[in-house]
Amino acid sequence: MRKRTILAVTAVMLMLSPAALAAQVSTAGVIFLTIEPGARNAGIGGAGVALGADAGATASFYNPAALAFLPGSSIAGTHNKALPELTDDMYYDFLGATHSLGNAGGLGANITYYSYGSQKHTDGAGNELGDIDSFDLAITTSYGVRLRPRLAVGGSFKIIYSRLSTVGAEAERGDGIAYSFAIDAGILFTDIFPGLNLGIALQNVGPDIAYIDRDQADPLPQNLRIGTAWRAVDIPGHRLTLVYDMYKSLAQRKKSFFVSLIAGLTDERARQELKQIVHMMGAEYTFSDLLSLRAGYFIDQVGKVIFPTFGIGLGWGSYRFDLSHAYSPDKPFSQGTRFSVSLIF
């Protein structure tokens, strides 16, 4: 039963996370860590590694270095049902918060929860023994600090708990519960040209996660993000921001971090390596901090997932309400609507 549960969960994640489709998910575990949070970022194609002071409460996910530039404090939450047409007990939740320490940098934290719903528990003969609630959980703390007025670095530490089953397979050790930890590291250059930021983040670097035994452990979905954000228009009442991220999976089975980092970039011909890069791009126009209109595009050539994204944001005092939609009629499991609420104070 335990193996069937993992296979079923992996199949669902393949359908729900466009980034996971290009993340060598056949070798990676806990791929819920690759889901980009926040309706705002979803509306601009999933990009966000270089937003800097505009990153908001999702900064600890995209690039912890951005925490050094965020003013004040913020909190944001996202709830997204995975397959609302089929079931109500599969959903994704993200809650993030940031707090500025002034010249000492900035703190961030987030909790990510993914419910896979109820799974049937069967014995070796196929007899049903009850239901098991399966889920993944990650708790992350982050810190970012400026090294120079326009240069910051940051890091995150996350604890990962995965419960796909509470019982093991009859002939194998272990059960369907696994633990691990991971770190993220980021660097952010701001205003390298007027209004232009450059961000780089290495995500989910940590030991393999094992449900049965270490010989059957899966690597974490470590990846590299490089992106830019350009404030093309910034005049009173009007802002236009253009963003672009490149995402490259580095997940490699049974290899050390340094070997995976090199192999993830060089183990195939240059043309194929370039083809494996996922492209996320978008634009956001904001009028008087009241209304934001967004559009973007997601391109994954290997996974053959290519679709436009759209979004809208409304501001009211310290509150922000964001709605986004990904449109993929030929791959209905890749499309979906997200809603986020943010508080800035």
C-alpha atoms as a PDB file:
ATOM      1  CA  MET A   1       0.000   0.000   0.000  1.00  0.00           C
ATOM      2  CA  ARG A   2       2.780   2.396   0.930  1.00  0.00           C
ATOM      3  CA  LYS A   3       4.406   2.356  -2.510  1.00  0.00           C
ATOM      4  CA  ARG A   4       1.060   2.811  -4.224  1.00  0.00           C
ATOM      5  CA  THR A   5       0.338   5.831  -2.032  1.00  0.00           C
ATOM      6  CA  ILE A   6       3.627   7.494  -2.951  1.00  0.00           C
ATOM      7  CA  LEU A   7       3.072   6.829  -6.647  1.00  0.00           C
ATOM      8  CA  ALA A   8      -0.436   8.271  -6.470  1.00  0.00           C
ATOM      9  CA  VAL A   9       0.729  11.384  -4.623  1.00  0.00           C
ATOM     10  CA  THR A  10       3.587  11.899  -7.083  1.00  0.00           C
ATOM     11  CA  ALA A  11       1.188  11.620 -10.003  1.00  0.00           C
ATOM     12  CA  VAL A  12      -1.077  14.256  -8.462  1.00  0.00           C
ATOM     13  CA  MET A  13       1.849  16.608  -7.892  1.00  0.00           C
ATOM     14  CA  LEU A  14       2.904  16.200 -11.517  1.00  0.00           C
ATOM     15  CA  MET A  15      -0.489  17.515 -12.541  1.00  0.00           C
ATOM     16  CA  LEU A  16      -0.653  20.322  -9.984  1.00  0.00           C
ATOM     17  CA  SER A  17       2.806  21.916 -10.078  1.00  0.00           C
ATOM     18  CA  PRO A  18       4.026  23.164 -13.483  1.00  0.00           C
ATOM     19  CA  ALA A  19       7.514  23.722 -12.081  1.00  0.00           C
ATOM     20  CA  ALA A  20       7.585  20.145 -10.843  1.00  0.00           C
ATOM     21  CA  LEU A  21       7.092  18.879 -14.372  1.00  0.00           C
ATOM     22  CA  ALA A  22      10.561  20.175 -15.221  1.00  0.00           C
ATOM     23  CA  ALA A  23      12.116  19.206 -11.887  1.00  0.00           C
ATOM     24  CA  GLN A  24      13.118  15.651 -12.729  1.00  0.00           C
ATOM     25  CA  VAL A  25      10.324  14.547 -10.436  1.00  0.00           C
ATOM     26  CA  SER A  26      10.978  10.914 -11.278  1.00  0.00           C
ATOM     27  CA  THR A  27      13.988  11.215  -8.949  1.00  0.00           C
ATOM     28  CA  ALA A  28      12.909  13.918  -6.489  1.00  0.00           C
ATOM     29  CA  GLY A  29      10.748  13.682  -3.384  1.00  0.00           C
ATOM     30  CA  VAL A  30       8.544  16.236  -1.542  1.00  0.00           C
ATOM     31  CA  ILE A  31       8.030  18.197  -4.737  1.00  0.00           C
ATOM     32  CA  PHE A  32       5.371  20.320  -3.040  1.00  0.00           C
ATOM     33  CA  LEU A  33       8.372  22.525  -2.169  1.00  0.00           C
ATOM     34  CA  THR A  34       8.502  23.667  -5.808  1.00  0.00           C
ATOM     35  CA  ILE A  35       5.007  25.190  -5.874  1.00  0.00           C
ATOM     36  CA  GLU A  36       5.230  28.963  -6.204  1.00  0.00           C
ATOM     37  CA  PRO A  37       3.029  30.607  -3.548  1.00  0.00           C
ATOM     38  CA  GLY A  38       0.965  33.745  -3.807  1.00  0.00           C
ATOM     39  CA  ALA A  39      -1.632  34.849  -6.316  1.00  0.00           C
ATOM     40  CA  ARG A  40       0.408  37.923  -7.198  1.00  0.00           C
ATOM     41  CA  ASN A  41       3.407  35.910  -8.397  1.00  0.00           C
ATOM     42  CA  ALA A  42       1.161  33.386 -10.105  1.00  0.00           C
ATOM     43  CA  GLY A  43      -0.330  36.233 -12.135  1.00  0.00           C
ATOM     44  CA  ILE A  44       3.118  37.184 -13.507  1.00  0.00           C
ATOM     45  CA  GLY A  45       4.048  33.689 -14.621  1.00  0.00           C
ATOM     46  CA  GLY A  46       5.448  32.492 -11.282  1.00  0.00           C
ATOM     47  CA  ALA A  47       8.462  34.842 -11.290  1.00  0.00           C
ATOM     48  CA  GLY A  48       9.750  36.672  -8.218  1.00  0.00           C
ATOM     49  CA  VAL A  49      13.413  36.004  -7.448  1.00  0.00           C
ATOM     50  CA  ALA A  50      14.473  39.624  -8.172  1.00  0.00           C
ATOM     51  CA  LEU A  51      11.508  41.677  -6.921  1.00  0.00           C
ATOM     52  CA  GLY A  52      13.492  43.039  -3.987  1.00  0.00           C
ATOM     53  CA  ALA A  53      11.556  45.601  -1.950  1.00  0.00           C
ATOM     54  CA  ASP A  54       8.394  44.612  -3.842  1.00  0.00           C
ATOM     55  CA  ALA A  55       8.637  40.917  -2.918  1.00  0.00           C
ATOM     56  CA  GLY A  56       6.207  41.057  -0.001  1.00  0.00           C
ATOM     57  CA  ALA A  57       5.545  38.204   2.389  1.00  0.00           C
ATOM     58  CA  THR A  58       6.547  35.532  -0.146  1.00  0.00           C
ATOM     59  CA  ALA A  59      10.168  36.769  -0.149  1.00  0.00           C
ATOM     60  CA  SER A  60      11.288  33.896   2.080  1.00  0.00           C
ATOM     61  CA  PHE A  61      10.240  31.481  -0.687  1.00  0.00           C
ATOM     62  CA  TYR A  62      11.661  33.188  -3.779  1.00  0.00           C
ATOM     63  CA  ASN A  63      14.834  34.819  -2.474  1.00  0.00           C
ATOM     64  CA  PRO A  64      15.631  35.397   1.217  1.00  0.00           C
ATOM     65  CA  ALA A  65      18.074  38.166   0.254  1.00  0.00           C
ATOM     66  CA  ALA A  66      15.061  40.365  -0.543  1.00  0.00           C
ATOM     67  CA  LEU A  67      14.241  40.481   3.178  1.00  0.00           C
ATOM     68  CA  ALA A  68      17.047  43.009   3.622  1.00  0.00           C
ATOM     69  CA  PHE A  69      15.146  45.554   1.506  1.00  0.00           C
ATOM     70  CA  LEU A  70      11.579  45.057   2.737  1.00  0.00           C
ATOM     71  CA  PRO A  71      10.155  47.895   4.833  1.00  0.00           C
ATOM     72  CA  GLY A  72       8.008  47.380   7.921  1.00  0.00           C
ATOM     73  CA  SER A  73       6.240  44.053   8.392  1.00  0.00           C
ATOM     74  CA  SER A  74       3.893  41.970   6.284  1.00  0.00           C
ATOM     75  CA  ILE A  75       1.891  38.782   6.383  1.00  0.00           C
ATOM     76  CA  ALA A  76       0.179  36.916   3.543  1.00  0.00           C
ATOM     77  CA  GLY A  77      -1.836  33.751   3.138  1.00  0.00           C
ATOM     78  CA  THR A  78      -2.862  31.627   0.164  1.00  0.00           C
ATOM     79  CA  HIS A  79      -5.358  28.777  -0.015  1.00  0.00           C
ATOM     80  CA  ASN A  80      -5.764  26.831  -3.217  1.00  0.00           C
ATOM     81  CA  LYS A  81      -7.876  23.747  -3.836  1.00  0.00           C
ATOM     82  CA  ALA A  82      -5.978  21.331  -6.039  1.00  0.00           C
ATOM     83  CA  LEU A  83      -8.793  19.532  -7.854  1.00  0.00           C
ATOM     84  CA  PRO A  84     -12.048  21.236  -6.845  1.00  0.00           C
ATOM     85  CA  GLU A  85     -13.975  19.442  -9.592  1.00  0.00           C
ATOM     86  CA  LEU A  86     -13.055  16.043  -8.149  1.00  0.00           C
ATOM     87  CA  THR A  87     -12.465  16.403  -4.406  1.00  0.00           C
ATOM     88  CA  ASP A  88     -12.462  18.917  -1.547  1.00  0.00           C
ATOM     89  CA  ASP A  89      -9.732  17.368   0.603  1.00  0.00           C
ATOM     90  CA  MET A  90      -6.738  18.081  -1.654  1.00  0.00           C
ATOM     91  CA  TYR A  91      -5.429  21.608  -1.185  1.00  0.00           C
ATOM     92  CA  TYR A  92      -2.357  23.822  -0.793  1.00  0.00           C
ATOM     93  CA  ASP A  93      -1.880  26.380   1.994  1.00  0.00           C
ATOM     94  CA  PHE A  94       0.895  28.943   2.388  1.00  0.00           C
ATOM     95  CA  LEU A  95       1.326  31.456   5.194  1.00  0.00           C
ATOM     96  CA  GLY A  96       4.294  33.827   5.099  1.00  0.00           C
ATOM     97  CA  ALA A  97       5.476  36.777   7.179  1.00  0.00           C
ATOM     98  CA  THR A  98       8.335  39.292   7.138  1.00  0.00           C
ATOM     99  CA  HIS A  99       9.724  41.832   9.591  1.00  0.00           C
ATOM    100  CA  SER A 100      12.316  44.530   8.961  1.00  0.00           C
ATOM    101  CA  LEU A 101      15.212  44.966  11.392  1.00  0.00           C
ATOM    102  CA  GLY A 102      16.328  48.199   9.767  1.00  0.00           C
ATOM    103  CA  ASN A 103      20.055  48.283   9.103  1.00  0.00           C
ATOM    104  CA  ALA A 104      20.365  44.838  10.702  1.00  0.00           C
ATOM    105  CA  GLY A 105      18.460  43.225   7.829  1.00  0.00           C
ATOM    106  CA  GLY A 106      15.126  41.446   7.761  1.00  0.00           C
ATOM    107  CA  LEU A 107      13.470  38.285   9.053  1.00  0.00           C
ATOM    108  CA  GLY A 108      11.055  36.014   7.244  1.00  0.00           C
ATOM    109  CA  ALA A 109       9.148  32.822   7.896  1.00  0.00           C
ATOM    110  CA  ASN A 110       6.605  30.667   6.138  1.00  0.00           C
ATOM    111  CA  ILE A 111       4.585  27.510   6.623  1.00  0.00           C
ATOM    112  CA  THR A 112       3.677  25.383   3.612  1.00  0.00           C
ATOM    113  CA  TYR A 113       1.086  22.616   3.887  1.00  0.00           C
ATOM    114  CA  TYR A 114      -0.157  20.276   1.191  1.00  0.00           C
ATOM    115  CA  SER A 115      -3.053  17.922   1.844  1.00  0.00           C
ATOM    116  CA  TYR A 116      -3.370  14.910  -0.446  1.00  0.00           C
ATOM    117  CA  GLY A 117      -6.667  13.918   1.073  1.00  0.00           C
ATOM    118  CA  SER A 118      -7.699  10.555   2.402  1.00  0.00           C
ATOM    119  CA  GLN A 119      -5.969   7.390   1.141  1.00  0.00           C
ATOM    120  CA  LYS A 120      -7.259   3.827   1.456  1.00  0.00           C
ATOM    121  CA  HIS A 121      -5.137   1.508   3.607  1.00  0.00           C
ATOM    122  CA  THR A 122      -5.098  -2.081   2.335  1.00  0.00           C
ATOM    123  CA  ASP A 123      -3.257  -5.231   3.326  1.00  0.00           C
ATOM    124  CA  GLY A 124      -1.301  -7.526   1.032  1.00  0.00           C
ATOM    125  CA  ALA A 125      -4.498  -9.257  -0.060  1.00  0.00           C
ATOM    126  CA  GLY A 126      -6.172  -5.998  -1.033  1.00  0.00           C
ATOM    127  CA  ASN A 127      -8.523  -5.860   1.947  1.00  0.00           C
ATOM    128  CA  GLU A 128      -9.358  -2.336   3.091  1.00  0.00           C
ATOM    129  CA  LEU A 129      -8.196  -1.563   6.636  1.00  0.00           C
ATOM    130  CA  GLY A 130      -9.263   2.071   6.892  1.00  0.00           C
ATOM    131  CA  ASP A 131      -8.342   5.530   5.706  1.00  0.00           C
ATOM    132  CA  ILE A 132      -5.113   7.499   6.076  1.00  0.00           C
ATOM    133  CA  ASP A 133      -4.841  11.291   5.761  1.00  0.00           C
ATOM    134  CA  SER A 134      -1.728  12.104   3.699  1.00  0.00           C
ATOM    135  CA  PHE A 135       0.049  15.465   3.754  1.00  0.00           C
ATOM    136  CA  ASP A 136       3.374  17.292   3.447  1.00  0.00           C
ATOM    137  CA  LEU A 137       4.506  20.125   5.718  1.00  0.00           C
ATOM    138  CA  ALA A 138       7.468  22.508   5.697  1.00  0.00           C
ATOM    139  CA  ILE A 139       8.346  25.229   8.208  1.00  0.00           C
ATOM    140  CA  THR A 140      10.887  27.825   7.050  1.00  0.00           C
ATOM    141  CA  THR A 141      12.774  30.631   8.774  1.00  0.00           C
ATOM    142  CA  SER A 142      14.813  33.161   6.786  1.00  0.00           C
ATOM    143  CA  TYR A 143      17.184  36.088   7.211  1.00  0.00           C
ATOM    144  CA  GLY A 144      18.546  38.648   4.757  1.00  0.00           C
ATOM    145  CA  VAL A 145      21.120  41.387   5.242  1.00  0.00           C
ATOM    146  CA  ARG A 146      22.729  44.083   3.098  1.00  0.00           C
ATOM    147  CA  LEU A 147      26.418  43.832   2.411  1.00  0.00           C
ATOM    148  CA  ARG A 148      26.336  47.102   0.504  1.00  0.00           C
ATOM    149  CA  PRO A 149      23.558  49.607  -0.157  1.00  0.00           C
ATOM    150  CA  ARG A 150      22.574  47.758  -3.344  1.00  0.00           C
ATOM    151  CA  LEU A 151      23.723  44.235  -2.526  1.00  0.00           C
ATOM    152  CA  ALA A 152      22.161  41.739  -0.124  1.00  0.00           C
ATOM    153  CA  VAL A 153      22.499  38.076   0.732  1.00  0.00           C
ATOM    154  CA  GLY A 154      20.110  35.796   2.564  1.00  0.00           C
ATOM    155  CA  GLY A 155      19.475  32.266   3.687  1.00  0.00           C
ATOM    156  CA  SER A 156      16.634  30.014   4.799  1.00  0.00           C
ATOM    157  CA  PHE A 157      16.413  26.885   6.900  1.00  0.00           C
ATOM    158  CA  LYS A 158      13.404  24.613   6.524  1.00  0.00           C
ATOM    159  CA  ILE A 159      12.203  21.529   8.371  1.00  0.00           C
ATOM    160  CA  ILE A 160      10.298  19.047   6.215  1.00  0.00           C
ATOM    161  CA  TYR A 161       7.754  16.499   7.444  1.00  0.00           C
ATOM    162  CA  SER A 162       6.021  14.158   5.008  1.00  0.00           C
ATOM    163  CA  ARG A 163       3.260  11.760   6.036  1.00  0.00           C
ATOM    164  CA  LEU A 164       2.018   9.760   3.090  1.00  0.00           C
ATOM    165  CA  SER A 165       1.066   6.758   5.203  1.00  0.00           C
ATOM    166  CA  THR A 166       1.192   5.642   8.842  1.00  0.00           C
ATOM    167  CA  VAL A 167       2.056   2.020   8.064  1.00  0.00           C
ATOM    168  CA  GLY A 168       4.816   0.361   6.085  1.00  0.00           C
ATOM    169  CA  ALA A 169       4.832  -2.248   3.366  1.00  0.00           C
ATOM    170  CA  GLU A 170       4.629  -5.800   4.675  1.00  0.00           C
ATOM    171  CA  ALA A 171       8.117  -6.916   3.601  1.00  0.00           C
ATOM    172  CA  GLU A 172       9.983  -3.658   4.076  1.00  0.00           C
ATOM    173  CA  ARG A 173      11.314  -1.544   6.900  1.00  0.00           C
ATOM    174  CA  GLY A 174       9.995   1.908   7.643  1.00  0.00           C
ATOM    175  CA  ASP A 175       6.613   3.431   7.026  1.00  0.00           C
ATOM    176  CA  GLY A 176       5.176   6.273   5.015  1.00  0.00           C
ATOM    177  CA  ILE A 177       6.513   9.004   7.306  1.00  0.00           C
ATOM    178  CA  ALA A 178       9.741  10.861   6.538  1.00  0.00           C
ATOM    179  CA  TYR A 179      11.694  13.850   7.830  1.00  0.00           C
ATOM    180  CA  SER A 180      14.402  16.024   6.341  1.00  0.00           C
ATOM    181  CA  PHE A 181      15.721  19.564   6.323  1.00  0.00           C
ATOM    182  CA  ALA A 182      16.937  21.939   3.645  1.00  0.00           C
ATOM    183  CA  ILE A 183      18.545  25.319   3.167  1.00  0.00           C
ATOM    184  CA  ASP A 184      18.078  28.072   0.602  1.00  0.00           C
ATOM    185  CA  ALA A 185      20.641  30.730  -0.265  1.00  0.00           C
ATOM    186  CA  GLY A 186      20.116  33.898  -2.255  1.00  0.00           C
ATOM    187  CA  ILE A 187      21.821  37.030  -3.485  1.00  0.00           C
ATOM    188  CA  LEU A 188      20.193  40.189  -4.793  1.00  0.00           C
ATOM    189  CA  PHE A 189      21.673  43.104  -6.706  1.00  0.00           C
ATOM    190  CA  THR A 190      19.410  46.148  -6.881  1.00  0.00           C
ATOM    191  CA  ASP A 191      19.564  49.047  -9.336  1.00  0.00           C
ATOM    192  CA  ILE A 192      22.422  47.594 -11.375  1.00  0.00           C
ATOM    193  CA  PHE A 193      20.861  49.902 -13.944  1.00  0.00           C
ATOM    194  CA  PRO A 194      18.117  52.375 -12.995  1.00  0.00           C
ATOM    195  CA  GLY A 195      15.219  50.271 -11.721  1.00  0.00           C
ATOM    196  CA  LEU A 196      16.790  46.923 -12.697  1.00  0.00           C
ATOM    197  CA  ASN A 197      17.372  44.132 -10.135  1.00  0.00           C
ATOM    198  CA  LEU A 198      19.161  40.793 -10.520  1.00  0.00           C
ATOM    199  CA  GLY A 199      18.441  37.888  -8.193  1.00  0.00           C
ATOM    200  CA  ILE A 200      19.910  34.404  -7.795  1.00  0.00           C
ATOM    201  CA  ALA A 201      18.606  31.723  -5.424  1.00  0.00           C
ATOM    202  CA  LEU A 202      19.574  28.119  -4.744  1.00  0.00           C
ATOM    203  CA  GLN A 203      16.661  26.244  -3.202  1.00  0.00           C
ATOM    204  CA  ASN A 204      16.001  23.023  -1.275  1.00  0.00           C
ATOM    205  CA  VAL A 205      19.564  21.877  -0.673  1.00  0.00           C
ATOM    206  CA  GLY A 206      19.623  19.098   1.912  1.00  0.00           C
ATOM    207  CA  PRO A 207      19.883  15.384   2.624  1.00  0.00           C
ATOM    208  CA  ASP A 208      17.763  12.858   0.753  1.00  0.00           C
ATOM    209  CA  ILE A 209      14.388  11.993   2.236  1.00  0.00           C
ATOM    210  CA  ALA A 210      13.672   8.314   3.008  1.00  0.00           C
ATOM    211  CA  TYR A 211      10.344   6.624   3.733  1.00  0.00           C
ATOM    212  CA  ILE A 212      11.476   2.993   3.678  1.00  0.00           C
ATOM    213  CA  ASP A 213      15.282   2.984   4.143  1.00  0.00           C
ATOM    214  CA  ARG A 214      18.277   5.097   3.110  1.00  0.00           C
ATOM    215  CA  ASP A 215      18.978   2.880   0.089  1.00  0.00           C
ATOM    216  CA  GLN A 216      15.623   3.929  -1.368  1.00  0.00           C
ATOM    217  CA  ALA A 217      15.854   7.603  -0.408  1.00  0.00           C
ATOM    218  CA  ASP A 218      14.844  10.336  -2.842  1.00  0.00           C
ATOM    219  CA  PRO A 219      16.726  13.620  -3.315  1.00  0.00           C
ATOM    220  CA  LEU A 220      15.078  16.894  -2.445  1.00  0.00           C
ATOM    221  CA  PRO A 221      13.875  18.996  -5.413  1.00  0.00           C
ATOM    222  CA  GLN A 222      16.849  21.352  -5.307  1.00  0.00           C
ATOM    223  CA  ASN A 223      16.901  23.956  -8.037  1.00  0.00           C
ATOM    224  CA  LEU A 224      18.526  27.155  -9.204  1.00  0.00           C
ATOM    225  CA  ARG A 225      16.591  30.353  -9.963  1.00  0.00           C
ATOM    226  CA  ILE A 226      18.033  33.367 -11.751  1.00  0.00           C
ATOM    227  CA  GLY A 227      15.900  36.338 -12.606  1.00  0.00           C
ATOM    228  CA  THR A 228      15.498  40.037 -13.200  1.00  0.00           C
ATOM    229  CA  ALA A 229      12.903  42.651 -12.282  1.00  0.00           C
ATOM    230  CA  TRP A 230      12.778  46.031 -13.994  1.00  0.00           C
ATOM    231  CA  ARG A 231      10.700  48.990 -12.818  1.00  0.00           C
ATOM    232  CA  ALA A 232      10.142  50.312 -16.334  1.00  0.00           C
ATOM    233  CA  VAL A 233       7.778  53.084 -15.205  1.00  0.00           C
ATOM    234  CA  ASP A 234       7.833  54.670 -11.769  1.00  0.00           C
ATOM    235  CA  ILE A 235       6.018  57.985 -11.605  1.00  0.00           C
ATOM    236  CA  PRO A 236       3.418  59.239  -9.116  1.00  0.00           C
ATOM    237  CA  GLY A 237       0.319  57.091  -9.500  1.00  0.00           C
ATOM    238  CA  HIS A 238       1.764  54.709 -12.069  1.00  0.00           C
ATOM    239  CA  ARG A 239       4.180  51.762 -11.872  1.00  0.00           C
ATOM    240  CA  LEU A 240       5.066  49.167 -14.463  1.00  0.00           C
ATOM    241  CA  THR A 241       7.278  46.235 -13.482  1.00  0.00           C
ATOM    242  CA  LEU A 242       8.612  43.596 -15.865  1.00  0.00           C
ATOM    243  CA  VAL A 243       9.927  40.306 -14.443  1.00  0.00           C
ATOM    244  CA  TYR A 244      11.699  37.245 -15.807  1.00  0.00           C
ATOM    245  CA  ASP A 245      12.895  34.101 -13.999  1.00  0.00           C
ATOM    246  CA  MET A 246      14.829  31.060 -15.205  1.00  0.00           C
ATOM    247  CA  TYR A 247      14.330  27.842 -13.235  1.00  0.00           C
ATOM    248  CA  LYS A 248      16.667  24.827 -13.531  1.00  0.00           C
ATOM    249  CA  SER A 249      16.241  21.586 -11.603  1.00  0.00           C
ATOM    250  CA  LEU A 250      19.406  20.165 -10.021  1.00  0.00           C
ATOM    251  CA  ALA A 251      17.851  17.052  -8.452  1.00  0.00           C
ATOM    252  CA  GLN A 252      20.120  14.030  -8.826  1.00  0.00           C
ATOM    253  CA  ARG A 253      19.641  10.629  -7.229  1.00  0.00           C
ATOM    254  CA  LYS A 254      22.345   9.408  -4.797  1.00  0.00           C
ATOM    255  CA  LYS A 255      24.765  12.262  -5.403  1.00  0.00           C
ATOM    256  CA  SER A 256      26.249  14.810  -3.029  1.00  0.00           C
ATOM    257  CA  PHE A 257      25.188  18.443  -3.197  1.00  0.00           C
ATOM    258  CA  PHE A 258      28.287  19.604  -5.049  1.00  0.00           C
ATOM    259  CA  VAL A 259      28.101  16.709  -7.525  1.00  0.00           C
ATOM    260  CA  SER A 260      24.381  17.384  -8.045  1.00  0.00           C
ATOM    261  CA  LEU A 261      25.026  21.075  -8.593  1.00  0.00           C
ATOM    262  CA  ILE A 262      27.564  20.371 -11.310  1.00  0.00           C
ATOM    263  CA  ALA A 263      25.749  17.382 -12.791  1.00  0.00           C
ATOM    264  CA  GLY A 264      22.433  19.220 -12.835  1.00  0.00           C
ATOM    265  CA  LEU A 265      23.996  21.802 -15.128  1.00  0.00           C
ATOM    266  CA  THR A 266      26.405  19.681 -17.188  1.00  0.00           C
ATOM    267  CA  ASP A 267      25.319  16.021 -17.284  1.00  0.00           C
ATOM    268  CA  GLU A 268      23.720  16.417 -20.719  1.00  0.00           C
ATOM    269  CA  ARG A 269      24.566  18.227 -23.911  1.00  0.00           C
ATOM    270  CA  ALA A 270      24.368  22.000 -23.752  1.00  0.00           C
ATOM    271  CA  ARG A 271      21.352  22.097 -26.051  1.00  0.00           C
ATOM    272  CA  GLN A 272      19.402  19.697 -23.832  1.00  0.00           C
ATOM    273  CA  GLU A 273      20.440  21.528 -20.660  1.00  0.00           C
ATOM    274  CA  LEU A 274      19.140  24.778 -22.104  1.00  0.00           C
ATOM    275  CA  LYS A 275      15.907  23.071 -23.113  1.00  0.00           C
ATOM    276  CA  GLN A 276      15.346  21.951 -19.519  1.00  0.00           C
ATOM    277  CA  ILE A 277      15.267  25.555 -18.263  1.00  0.00           C
ATOM    278  CA  VAL A 278      11.777  26.705 -17.309  1.00  0.00           C
ATOM    279  CA  HIS A 279      10.984  30.309 -18.238  1.00  0.00           C
ATOM    280  CA  MET A 280       8.634  32.483 -16.192  1.00  0.00           C
ATOM    281  CA  MET A 281       7.891  36.037 -17.275  1.00  0.00           C
ATOM    282  CA  GLY A 282       5.311  38.701 -16.684  1.00  0.00           C
ATOM    283  CA  ALA A 283       4.306  42.335 -16.276  1.00  0.00           C
ATOM    284  CA  GLU A 284       2.482  44.208 -13.529  1.00  0.00           C
ATOM    285  CA  TYR A 285       0.895  47.638 -13.851  1.00  0.00           C
ATOM    286  CA  THR A 286      -0.182  49.377 -10.636  1.00  0.00           C
ATOM    287  CA  PHE A 287      -2.328  52.490 -10.397  1.00  0.00           C
ATOM    288  CA  SER A 288      -2.024  54.552  -7.185  1.00  0.00           C
ATOM    289  CA  ASP A 289      -1.456  51.454  -5.028  1.00  0.00           C
ATOM    290  CA  LEU A 290      -5.143  50.716  -5.513  1.00  0.00           C
ATOM    291  CA  LEU A 291      -5.363  48.519  -8.592  1.00  0.00           C
ATOM    292  CA  SER A 292      -2.834  46.155 -10.175  1.00  0.00           C
ATOM    293  CA  LEU A 293      -3.230  44.371 -13.494  1.00  0.00           C
ATOM    294  CA  ARG A 294      -0.959  41.430 -14.280  1.00  0.00           C
ATOM    295  CA  ALA A 295      -0.169  39.095 -17.137  1.00  0.00           C
ATOM    296  CA  GLY A 296       2.528  36.506 -17.651  1.00  0.00           C
ATOM    297  CA  TYR A 297       3.688  33.387 -19.415  1.00  0.00           C
ATOM    298  CA  PHE A 298       5.028  30.031 -18.240  1.00  0.00           C
ATOM    299  CA  ILE A 299       7.179  27.954 -20.616  1.00  0.00           C
ATOM    300  CA  ASP A 300       8.371  24.424 -19.836  1.00  0.00           C
ATOM    301  CA  GLN A 301       9.544  22.763 -23.044  1.00  0.00           C
ATOM    302  CA  VAL A 302      10.447  19.387 -21.507  1.00  0.00           C
ATOM    303  CA  GLY A 303       7.155  19.008 -19.662  1.00  0.00           C
ATOM    304  CA  LYS A 304       5.304  20.546 -22.634  1.00  0.00           C
ATOM    305  CA  VAL A 305       3.500  22.915 -20.282  1.00  0.00           C
ATOM    306  CA  ILE A 306       3.088  26.341 -21.858  1.00  0.00           C
ATOM    307  CA  PHE A 307       0.336  28.703 -20.808  1.00  0.00           C
ATOM    308  CA  PRO A 308      -0.481  32.372 -20.112  1.00  0.00           C
ATOM    309  CA  THR A 309      -1.345  33.714 -16.675  1.00  0.00           C
ATOM    310  CA  PHE A 310      -3.499  36.642 -15.618  1.00  0.00           C
ATOM    311  CA  GLY A 311      -4.069  38.455 -12.363  1.00  0.00           C
ATOM    312  CA  ILE A 312      -5.586  41.406 -10.588  1.00  0.00           C
ATOM    313  CA  GLY A 313      -4.796  43.040  -7.253  1.00  0.00           C
ATOM    314  CA  LEU A 314      -6.755  45.459  -5.095  1.00  0.00           C
ATOM    315  CA  GLY A 315      -5.371  47.604  -2.277  1.00  0.00           C
ATOM    316  CA  TRP A 316      -7.407  48.984   0.601  1.00  0.00           C
ATOM    317  CA  GLY A 317      -5.423  50.629   3.376  1.00  0.00           C
ATOM    318  CA  SER A 318      -2.950  48.070   4.689  1.00  0.00           C
ATOM    319  CA  TYR A 319      -4.731  45.189   2.952  1.00  0.00           C
ATOM    320  CA  ARG A 320      -3.998  43.622  -0.419  1.00  0.00           C
ATOM    321  CA  PHE A 321      -6.255  41.181  -2.246  1.00  0.00           C
ATOM    322  CA  ASP A 322      -4.842  39.275  -5.199  1.00  0.00           C
ATOM    323  CA  LEU A 323      -6.467  36.925  -7.684  1.00  0.00           C
ATOM    324  CA  SER A 324      -4.774  35.023 -10.494  1.00  0.00           C
ATOM    325  CA  HIS A 325      -5.648  32.462 -13.133  1.00  0.00           C
ATOM    326  CA  ALA A 326      -3.487  30.188 -15.286  1.00  0.00           C
ATOM    327  CA  TYR A 327      -5.125  29.285 -18.594  1.00  0.00           C
ATOM    328  CA  SER A 328      -4.157  25.909 -20.053  1.00  0.00           C
ATOM    329  CA  PRO A 329      -7.107  24.363 -21.927  1.00  0.00           C
ATOM    330  CA  ASP A 330      -5.031  21.535 -23.424  1.00  0.00           C
ATOM    331  CA  LYS A 331      -3.718  20.575 -19.947  1.00  0.00           C
ATOM    332  CA  PRO A 332      -6.607  21.295 -17.574  1.00  0.00           C
ATOM    333  CA  PHE A 333      -4.704  20.088 -14.505  1.00  0.00           C
ATOM    334  CA  SER A 334      -2.116  22.838 -15.054  1.00  0.00           C
ATOM    335  CA  GLN A 335      -4.664  25.619 -14.916  1.00  0.00           C
ATOM    336  CA  GLY A 336      -6.271  27.028 -11.836  1.00  0.00           C
ATOM    337  CA  THR A 337      -7.304  30.081  -9.854  1.00  0.00           C
ATOM    338  CA  ARG A 338      -5.543  31.385  -6.744  1.00  0.00           C
ATOM    339  CA  PHE A 339      -6.549  33.930  -4.152  1.00  0.00           C
ATOM    340  CA  SER A 340      -4.268  35.624  -1.610  1.00  0.00           C
ATOM    341  CA  VAL A 341      -4.757  38.146   1.186  1.00  0.00           C
ATOM    342  CA  SER A 342      -1.874  40.291   2.466  1.00  0.00           C
ATOM    343  CA  LEU A 343      -1.477  42.730   5.330  1.00  0.00           C
ATOM    344  CA  ILE A 344       1.319  45.318   5.298  1.00  0.00           C
ATOM    345  CA  PHE A 345       2.041  47.353   8.431  1.00  0.00           C
END
